[in-house]
Amino acid sequence: MPREKVVKIWDEREVVYPPKRWRYLWEKREKALKIMERLEQFDPQLYGSVARGDVRRDSDIDIFIPYKVPSYLIELALEGIVSRRKIVMATPWHLIKGVIEIDEETTVTFPLIEPTERELEFYKWGGAIDLWDVKTKQRVPGVNKKLILIVPTERGHIEREVVGRESEVAKILGVSIDIVTERIHVLTRRDAIGRTGTYLNEEVPDWMTFEEALKLIADRDPNVRRKVREAGGI
């Protein structure tokens, strides 16, 4: 089986994909497409490595809806394929999200409160494409968790260090310099002290809506309550 080829080009690396890596990408894209077609009315975005193209066999398929939608509409669109439902909040200052797990590698995420522009930029930072882009096999630049900018090429991708070229990365991704510096701070700190866990990661019972579950959480947790109020309510 051909191995992935890496070519050093000055301060960047070109990675040439072997056939199996292309196969992983298109198989995951096909799976994502079927789910995104169900969610077409909500402008779903595919983000992360499956949008950039630098997938591995165990890469997750992450789909995001970029605005607040009543959760029951999303669940109706995904009827029959929902395996688990959760409410997640990375830190007390981050977006509160509903997460629907389809299977071990596939999730659909949506905001339970109105997201800010900065919170939406997070997805562009990692690379995000829409349904049409998936259908036409587009790939986009984005940054991975190792703070490496992935720039797709016909043969694979080019890798560049993010630290030291923050303005260039912001321009390539079409995001603010603020999100670049924020993500560098977060990921550098994570490398130094390790993952500190997710602030909120709570399963939603089958008989309860996401909105009802969030209200119960907000009633007992002042940080969640503050974030909900700032965003204008549930």
C-alpha atoms as a PDB file:
ATOM      1  CA  MET A   1       0.000   0.000   0.000  1.00  0.00           C
ATOM      2  CA  PRO A   2       1.542   3.396  -1.017  1.00  0.00           C
ATOM      3  CA  ARG A   3       2.576   5.586   1.876  1.00  0.00           C
ATOM      4  CA  GLU A   4       1.758   9.239   2.312  1.00  0.00           C
ATOM      5  CA  LYS A   5       4.537  11.307   0.746  1.00  0.00           C
ATOM      6  CA  VAL A   6       5.876  14.393   2.511  1.00  0.00           C
ATOM      7  CA  VAL A   7       7.935  16.996   0.641  1.00  0.00           C
ATOM      8  CA  LYS A   8       9.701  19.834   2.509  1.00  0.00           C
ATOM      9  CA  ILE A   9       9.346  23.222   0.767  1.00  0.00           C
ATOM     10  CA  TRP A  10      11.208  25.958   2.650  1.00  0.00           C
ATOM     11  CA  ASP A  11       9.065  26.665   5.734  1.00  0.00           C
ATOM     12  CA  GLU A  12       6.156  24.505   4.651  1.00  0.00           C
ATOM     13  CA  ARG A  13       5.494  20.828   3.981  1.00  0.00           C
ATOM     14  CA  GLU A  14       3.607  19.344   1.074  1.00  0.00           C
ATOM     15  CA  VAL A  15       1.747  16.144   1.893  1.00  0.00           C
ATOM     16  CA  VAL A  16       0.842  13.930  -1.062  1.00  0.00           C
ATOM     17  CA  TYR A  17      -2.073  11.608  -0.320  1.00  0.00           C
ATOM     18  CA  PRO A  18      -1.943   7.894  -1.115  1.00  0.00           C
ATOM     19  CA  PRO A  19      -5.084   6.336  -2.691  1.00  0.00           C
ATOM     20  CA  LYS A  20      -6.457   5.063   0.634  1.00  0.00           C
ATOM     21  CA  ARG A  21      -6.500   8.568   2.105  1.00  0.00           C
ATOM     22  CA  TRP A  22      -8.524   9.859  -0.829  1.00  0.00           C
ATOM     23  CA  ARG A  23     -10.870   6.908  -0.324  1.00  0.00           C
ATOM     24  CA  TYR A  24     -11.383   7.757   3.354  1.00  0.00           C
ATOM     25  CA  LEU A  25     -12.172  11.366   2.391  1.00  0.00           C
ATOM     26  CA  TRP A  26     -14.782  10.583  -0.253  1.00  0.00           C
ATOM     27  CA  GLU A  27     -16.414   7.871   1.869  1.00  0.00           C
ATOM     28  CA  LYS A  28     -16.810  10.317   4.767  1.00  0.00           C
ATOM     29  CA  ARG A  29     -18.036  13.033   2.399  1.00  0.00           C
ATOM     30  CA  GLU A  30     -20.680  10.671   0.991  1.00  0.00           C
ATOM     31  CA  LYS A  31     -21.883   9.889   4.496  1.00  0.00           C
ATOM     32  CA  ALA A  32     -21.966  13.599   5.399  1.00  0.00           C
ATOM     33  CA  LEU A  33     -23.869  14.424   2.212  1.00  0.00           C
ATOM     34  CA  LYS A  34     -26.770  12.135   3.086  1.00  0.00           C
ATOM     35  CA  ILE A  35     -27.190  13.807   6.479  1.00  0.00           C
ATOM     36  CA  MET A  36     -26.738  17.345   5.136  1.00  0.00           C
ATOM     37  CA  GLU A  37     -29.413  16.737   2.492  1.00  0.00           C
ATOM     38  CA  ARG A  38     -31.870  15.973   5.293  1.00  0.00           C
ATOM     39  CA  LEU A  39     -30.916  19.285   6.902  1.00  0.00           C
ATOM     40  CA  GLU A  40     -30.789  21.327   3.678  1.00  0.00           C
ATOM     41  CA  GLN A  41     -33.350  23.920   4.841  1.00  0.00           C
ATOM     42  CA  PHE A  42     -31.039  24.865   7.768  1.00  0.00           C
ATOM     43  CA  ASP A  43     -27.899  25.659   5.695  1.00  0.00           C
ATOM     44  CA  PRO A  44     -25.755  22.897   7.262  1.00  0.00           C
ATOM     45  CA  GLN A  45     -21.973  23.258   7.270  1.00  0.00           C
ATOM     46  CA  LEU A  46     -19.422  20.454   7.256  1.00  0.00           C
ATOM     47  CA  TYR A  47     -16.335  21.489   9.203  1.00  0.00           C
ATOM     48  CA  GLY A  48     -12.942  20.219  10.297  1.00  0.00           C
ATOM     49  CA  SER A  49     -10.734  17.681   8.566  1.00  0.00           C
ATOM     50  CA  VAL A  50     -13.503  16.337   6.303  1.00  0.00           C
ATOM     51  CA  ALA A  51     -13.956  19.881   4.944  1.00  0.00           C
ATOM     52  CA  ARG A  52     -10.195  20.408   4.555  1.00  0.00           C
ATOM     53  CA  GLY A  53      -9.445  16.915   3.264  1.00  0.00           C
ATOM     54  CA  ASP A  54      -6.702  15.844   5.695  1.00  0.00           C
ATOM     55  CA  VAL A  55      -8.701  12.916   7.062  1.00  0.00           C
ATOM     56  CA  ARG A  56      -7.630   9.711   8.738  1.00  0.00           C
ATOM     57  CA  ARG A  57      -9.638   6.536   8.990  1.00  0.00           C
ATOM     58  CA  ASP A  58     -10.859   7.564  12.464  1.00  0.00           C
ATOM     59  CA  SER A  59     -11.634  11.213  11.603  1.00  0.00           C
ATOM     60  CA  ASP A  60     -14.979  12.506  12.850  1.00  0.00           C
ATOM     61  CA  ILE A  61     -17.720  13.835  10.585  1.00  0.00           C
ATOM     62  CA  ASP A  62     -18.838  17.130  12.132  1.00  0.00           C
ATOM     63  CA  ILE A  63     -21.880  18.988  10.805  1.00  0.00           C
ATOM     64  CA  PHE A  64     -22.955  22.371  12.185  1.00  0.00           C
ATOM     65  CA  ILE A  65     -26.095  24.475  11.744  1.00  0.00           C
ATOM     66  CA  PRO A  66     -24.987  28.135  11.874  1.00  0.00           C
ATOM     67  CA  TYR A  67     -28.014  29.736  13.528  1.00  0.00           C
ATOM     68  CA  LYS A  68     -30.582  29.032  16.223  1.00  0.00           C
ATOM     69  CA  VAL A  69     -33.370  26.694  15.082  1.00  0.00           C
ATOM     70  CA  PRO A  70     -36.119  25.050  17.175  1.00  0.00           C
ATOM     71  CA  SER A  71     -34.579  21.698  18.059  1.00  0.00           C
ATOM     72  CA  TYR A  72     -37.676  19.692  17.191  1.00  0.00           C
ATOM     73  CA  LEU A  73     -37.325  20.714  13.522  1.00  0.00           C
ATOM     74  CA  ILE A  74     -33.773  19.376  13.420  1.00  0.00           C
ATOM     75  CA  GLU A  75     -34.845  16.166  15.117  1.00  0.00           C
ATOM     76  CA  LEU A  76     -37.714  15.722  12.665  1.00  0.00           C
ATOM     77  CA  ALA A  77     -35.254  16.059   9.779  1.00  0.00           C
ATOM     78  CA  LEU A  78     -33.010  13.427  11.398  1.00  0.00           C
ATOM     79  CA  GLU A  79     -35.824  11.095  12.421  1.00  0.00           C
ATOM     80  CA  GLY A  80     -34.737   7.470  12.636  1.00  0.00           C
ATOM     81  CA  ILE A  81     -30.972   8.080  12.830  1.00  0.00           C
ATOM     82  CA  VAL A  82     -30.546   9.861  16.187  1.00  0.00           C
ATOM     83  CA  SER A  83     -28.606   7.788  18.717  1.00  0.00           C
ATOM     84  CA  ARG A  84     -27.839  10.296  21.505  1.00  0.00           C
ATOM     85  CA  ARG A  85     -28.649  13.906  22.437  1.00  0.00           C
ATOM     86  CA  LYS A  86     -26.475  16.225  24.538  1.00  0.00           C
ATOM     87  CA  ILE A  87     -26.063  19.841  25.589  1.00  0.00           C
ATOM     88  CA  VAL A  88     -22.438  20.991  25.474  1.00  0.00           C
ATOM     89  CA  MET A  89     -20.618  24.159  26.529  1.00  0.00           C
ATOM     90  CA  ALA A  90     -16.814  24.195  26.293  1.00  0.00           C
ATOM     91  CA  THR A  91     -16.278  26.867  28.971  1.00  0.00           C
ATOM     92  CA  PRO A  92     -18.615  29.229  30.880  1.00  0.00           C
ATOM     93  CA  TRP A  93     -17.931  31.852  28.162  1.00  0.00           C
ATOM     94  CA  HIS A  94     -18.527  29.710  25.077  1.00  0.00           C
ATOM     95  CA  LEU A  95     -21.577  28.979  22.939  1.00  0.00           C
ATOM     96  CA  ILE A  96     -24.198  26.606  24.354  1.00  0.00           C
ATOM     97  CA  LYS A  97     -24.831  23.906  21.767  1.00  0.00           C
ATOM     98  CA  GLY A  98     -27.131  21.005  21.179  1.00  0.00           C
ATOM     99  CA  VAL A  99     -25.363  17.905  19.904  1.00  0.00           C
ATOM    100  CA  ILE A 100     -27.050  15.013  18.142  1.00  0.00           C
ATOM    101  CA  GLU A 101     -24.870  11.939  17.760  1.00  0.00           C
ATOM    102  CA  ILE A 102     -25.715   9.871  14.698  1.00  0.00           C
ATOM    103  CA  ASP A 103     -23.071   7.217  15.333  1.00  0.00           C
ATOM    104  CA  GLU A 104     -19.588   6.962  16.851  1.00  0.00           C
ATOM    105  CA  GLU A 105     -17.996   9.270  14.283  1.00  0.00           C
ATOM    106  CA  THR A 106     -20.848  11.529  13.167  1.00  0.00           C
ATOM    107  CA  THR A 107     -22.447  14.483  14.989  1.00  0.00           C
ATOM    108  CA  VAL A 108     -24.809  17.334  14.176  1.00  0.00           C
ATOM    109  CA  THR A 109     -24.287  20.446  16.317  1.00  0.00           C
ATOM    110  CA  PHE A 110     -26.532  23.508  16.543  1.00  0.00           C
ATOM    111  CA  PRO A 111     -26.635  26.612  18.769  1.00  0.00           C
ATOM    112  CA  LEU A 112     -29.259  26.691  21.503  1.00  0.00           C
ATOM    113  CA  ILE A 113     -28.807  30.456  21.869  1.00  0.00           C
ATOM    114  CA  GLU A 114     -28.028  33.074  19.220  1.00  0.00           C
ATOM    115  CA  PRO A 115     -24.328  32.720  18.315  1.00  0.00           C
ATOM    116  CA  THR A 116     -21.997  35.705  18.085  1.00  0.00           C
ATOM    117  CA  GLU A 117     -19.860  36.399  15.009  1.00  0.00           C
ATOM    118  CA  ARG A 118     -16.777  35.262  16.957  1.00  0.00           C
ATOM    119  CA  GLU A 119     -18.459  31.974  17.847  1.00  0.00           C
ATOM    120  CA  LEU A 120     -19.310  31.344  14.194  1.00  0.00           C
ATOM    121  CA  GLU A 121     -15.742  32.198  13.170  1.00  0.00           C
ATOM    122  CA  PHE A 122     -14.595  29.159  15.144  1.00  0.00           C
ATOM    123  CA  TYR A 123     -15.969  26.939  12.391  1.00  0.00           C
ATOM    124  CA  LYS A 124     -14.317  28.921   9.581  1.00  0.00           C
ATOM    125  CA  TRP A 125     -11.059  28.639  11.553  1.00  0.00           C
ATOM    126  CA  GLY A 126     -11.181  24.855  11.258  1.00  0.00           C
ATOM    127  CA  GLY A 127     -12.476  24.936   7.694  1.00  0.00           C
ATOM    128  CA  ALA A 128     -16.169  24.809   6.777  1.00  0.00           C
ATOM    129  CA  ILE A 129     -18.094  24.072   3.578  1.00  0.00           C
ATOM    130  CA  ASP A 130     -21.777  24.045   2.661  1.00  0.00           C
ATOM    131  CA  LEU A 131     -23.941  21.439   0.958  1.00  0.00           C
ATOM    132  CA  TRP A 132     -23.092  22.627  -2.561  1.00  0.00           C
ATOM    133  CA  ASP A 133     -19.367  22.457  -1.769  1.00  0.00           C
ATOM    134  CA  VAL A 134     -19.781  18.873  -0.565  1.00  0.00           C
ATOM    135  CA  LYS A 135     -21.681  17.919  -3.730  1.00  0.00           C
ATOM    136  CA  THR A 136     -19.003  19.480  -5.950  1.00  0.00           C
ATOM    137  CA  LYS A 137     -16.092  18.022  -3.939  1.00  0.00           C
ATOM    138  CA  GLN A 138     -14.667  21.368  -2.825  1.00  0.00           C
ATOM    139  CA  ARG A 139     -12.037  21.559  -0.091  1.00  0.00           C
ATOM    140  CA  VAL A 140     -11.075  24.611   1.958  1.00  0.00           C
ATOM    141  CA  PRO A 141      -8.163  25.780   4.116  1.00  0.00           C
ATOM    142  CA  GLY A 142      -8.430  25.446   7.873  1.00  0.00           C
ATOM    143  CA  VAL A 143      -6.338  24.982  11.002  1.00  0.00           C
ATOM    144  CA  ASN A 144      -6.022  21.668  12.837  1.00  0.00           C
ATOM    145  CA  LYS A 145      -5.641  21.098  16.585  1.00  0.00           C
ATOM    146  CA  LYS A 146      -1.832  21.176  16.265  1.00  0.00           C
ATOM    147  CA  LEU A 147      -2.007  24.788  15.044  1.00  0.00           C
ATOM    148  CA  ILE A 148      -1.065  23.798  11.507  1.00  0.00           C
ATOM    149  CA  LEU A 149      -2.753  25.575   8.599  1.00  0.00           C
ATOM    150  CA  ILE A 150      -3.911  22.996   6.048  1.00  0.00           C
ATOM    151  CA  VAL A 151      -4.099  24.351   2.485  1.00  0.00           C
ATOM    152  CA  PRO A 152      -5.624  21.837   0.025  1.00  0.00           C
ATOM    153  CA  THR A 153      -3.841  21.014  -3.240  1.00  0.00           C
ATOM    154  CA  GLU A 154      -4.656  18.691  -6.114  1.00  0.00           C
ATOM    155  CA  ARG A 155      -2.201  16.115  -4.727  1.00  0.00           C
ATOM    156  CA  GLY A 156      -3.067  16.477  -1.029  1.00  0.00           C
ATOM    157  CA  HIS A 157      -2.287  19.538   1.067  1.00  0.00           C
ATOM    158  CA  ILE A 158       0.376  21.999   2.192  1.00  0.00           C
ATOM    159  CA  GLU A 159       1.063  22.538   5.902  1.00  0.00           C
ATOM    160  CA  ARG A 160       2.197  25.831   7.413  1.00  0.00           C
ATOM    161  CA  GLU A 161       2.810  26.828  11.018  1.00  0.00           C
ATOM    162  CA  VAL A 162       0.201  29.287  12.276  1.00  0.00           C
ATOM    163  CA  VAL A 163       2.299  30.918  15.013  1.00  0.00           C
ATOM    164  CA  GLY A 164       4.293  33.773  13.500  1.00  0.00           C
ATOM    165  CA  ARG A 165       1.992  34.271  10.516  1.00  0.00           C
ATOM    166  CA  GLU A 166      -1.249  35.174  12.292  1.00  0.00           C
ATOM    167  CA  SER A 167      -2.289  37.971   9.890  1.00  0.00           C
ATOM    168  CA  GLU A 168      -1.678  35.782   6.851  1.00  0.00           C
ATOM    169  CA  VAL A 169      -3.755  32.959   8.342  1.00  0.00           C
ATOM    170  CA  ALA A 170      -6.617  35.341   9.197  1.00  0.00           C
ATOM    171  CA  LYS A 171      -6.649  36.599   5.598  1.00  0.00           C
ATOM    172  CA  ILE A 172      -6.563  33.101   4.070  1.00  0.00           C
ATOM    173  CA  LEU A 173      -9.430  31.884   6.278  1.00  0.00           C
ATOM    174  CA  GLY A 174     -11.472  35.094   6.080  1.00  0.00           C
ATOM    175  CA  VAL A 175     -11.617  35.475   9.866  1.00  0.00           C
ATOM    176  CA  SER A 176     -10.628  38.178  12.347  1.00  0.00           C
ATOM    177  CA  ILE A 177      -7.172  38.297  13.869  1.00  0.00           C
ATOM    178  CA  ASP A 178      -8.937  38.007  17.246  1.00  0.00           C
ATOM    179  CA  ILE A 179     -10.097  34.430  16.610  1.00  0.00           C
ATOM    180  CA  VAL A 180      -6.577  33.494  15.456  1.00  0.00           C
ATOM    181  CA  THR A 181      -4.930  34.819  18.616  1.00  0.00           C
ATOM    182  CA  GLU A 182      -7.669  33.313  20.798  1.00  0.00           C
ATOM    183  CA  ARG A 183      -7.267  29.841  19.294  1.00  0.00           C
ATOM    184  CA  ILE A 184      -3.469  30.031  19.554  1.00  0.00           C
ATOM    185  CA  HIS A 185      -3.825  30.905  23.249  1.00  0.00           C
ATOM    186  CA  VAL A 186      -6.330  28.103  23.921  1.00  0.00           C
ATOM    187  CA  LEU A 187      -4.459  25.385  22.037  1.00  0.00           C
ATOM    188  CA  THR A 188      -1.017  26.418  23.326  1.00  0.00           C
ATOM    189  CA  ARG A 189      -2.352  26.362  26.887  1.00  0.00           C
ATOM    190  CA  ARG A 190      -3.907  22.945  26.256  1.00  0.00           C
ATOM    191  CA  ASP A 191      -0.510  21.643  25.131  1.00  0.00           C
ATOM    192  CA  ALA A 192       1.102  23.035  28.278  1.00  0.00           C
ATOM    193  CA  ILE A 193      -1.387  21.849  30.917  1.00  0.00           C
ATOM    194  CA  GLY A 194      -3.444  19.232  29.067  1.00  0.00           C
ATOM    195  CA  ARG A 195      -7.173  19.197  28.446  1.00  0.00           C
ATOM    196  CA  THR A 196      -9.146  20.561  31.374  1.00  0.00           C
ATOM    197  CA  GLY A 197     -12.470  19.045  30.324  1.00  0.00           C
ATOM    198  CA  THR A 198     -15.711  20.491  29.009  1.00  0.00           C
ATOM    199  CA  TYR A 199     -17.652  22.813  31.323  1.00  0.00           C
ATOM    200  CA  LEU A 200     -21.024  21.332  30.374  1.00  0.00           C
ATOM    201  CA  ASN A 201     -21.641  17.972  28.713  1.00  0.00           C
ATOM    202  CA  GLU A 202     -25.062  16.715  29.725  1.00  0.00           C
ATOM    203  CA  GLU A 203     -27.259  14.102  28.086  1.00  0.00           C
ATOM    204  CA  VAL A 204     -30.816  15.113  27.232  1.00  0.00           C
ATOM    205  CA  PRO A 205     -33.460  12.507  28.170  1.00  0.00           C
ATOM    206  CA  ASP A 206     -35.538  11.111  25.304  1.00  0.00           C
ATOM    207  CA  TRP A 207     -38.746  12.601  26.703  1.00  0.00           C
ATOM    208  CA  MET A 208     -37.370  16.151  27.017  1.00  0.00           C
ATOM    209  CA  THR A 209     -36.650  18.798  24.384  1.00  0.00           C
ATOM    210  CA  PHE A 210     -33.242  20.510  24.215  1.00  0.00           C
ATOM    211  CA  GLU A 211     -34.876  23.786  25.195  1.00  0.00           C
ATOM    212  CA  GLU A 212     -36.544  22.257  28.270  1.00  0.00           C
ATOM    213  CA  ALA A 213     -33.265  20.655  29.339  1.00  0.00           C
ATOM    214  CA  LEU A 214     -31.380  23.934  28.890  1.00  0.00           C
ATOM    215  CA  LYS A 215     -33.917  25.783  31.030  1.00  0.00           C
ATOM    216  CA  LEU A 216     -33.423  23.276  33.857  1.00  0.00           C
ATOM    217  CA  ILE A 217     -29.642  23.643  33.579  1.00  0.00           C
ATOM    218  CA  ALA A 218     -29.894  27.453  33.537  1.00  0.00           C
ATOM    219  CA  ASP A 219     -32.082  27.392  36.658  1.00  0.00           C
ATOM    220  CA  ARG A 220     -29.325  25.697  38.643  1.00  0.00           C
ATOM    221  CA  ASP A 221     -26.165  27.069  36.960  1.00  0.00           C
ATOM    222  CA  PRO A 222     -25.510  30.844  37.117  1.00  0.00           C
ATOM    223  CA  ASN A 223     -22.908  30.741  34.320  1.00  0.00           C
ATOM    224  CA  VAL A 224     -25.343  29.098  31.921  1.00  0.00           C
ATOM    225  CA  ARG A 225     -28.110  31.444  33.056  1.00  0.00           C
ATOM    226  CA  ARG A 226     -25.898  34.492  32.402  1.00  0.00           C
ATOM    227  CA  LYS A 227     -24.946  33.256  28.927  1.00  0.00           C
ATOM    228  CA  VAL A 228     -28.596  32.600  28.033  1.00  0.00           C
ATOM    229  CA  ARG A 229     -29.616  36.072  29.211  1.00  0.00           C
ATOM    230  CA  GLU A 230     -26.783  37.739  27.273  1.00  0.00           C
ATOM    231  CA  ALA A 231     -27.956  35.998  24.119  1.00  0.00           C
ATOM    232  CA  GLY A 232     -31.551  37.126  24.590  1.00  0.00           C
ATOM    233  CA  GLY A 233     -33.020  33.952  26.101  1.00  0.00           C
ATOM    234  CA  ILE A 234     -33.643  30.399  24.993  1.00  0.00           C
END
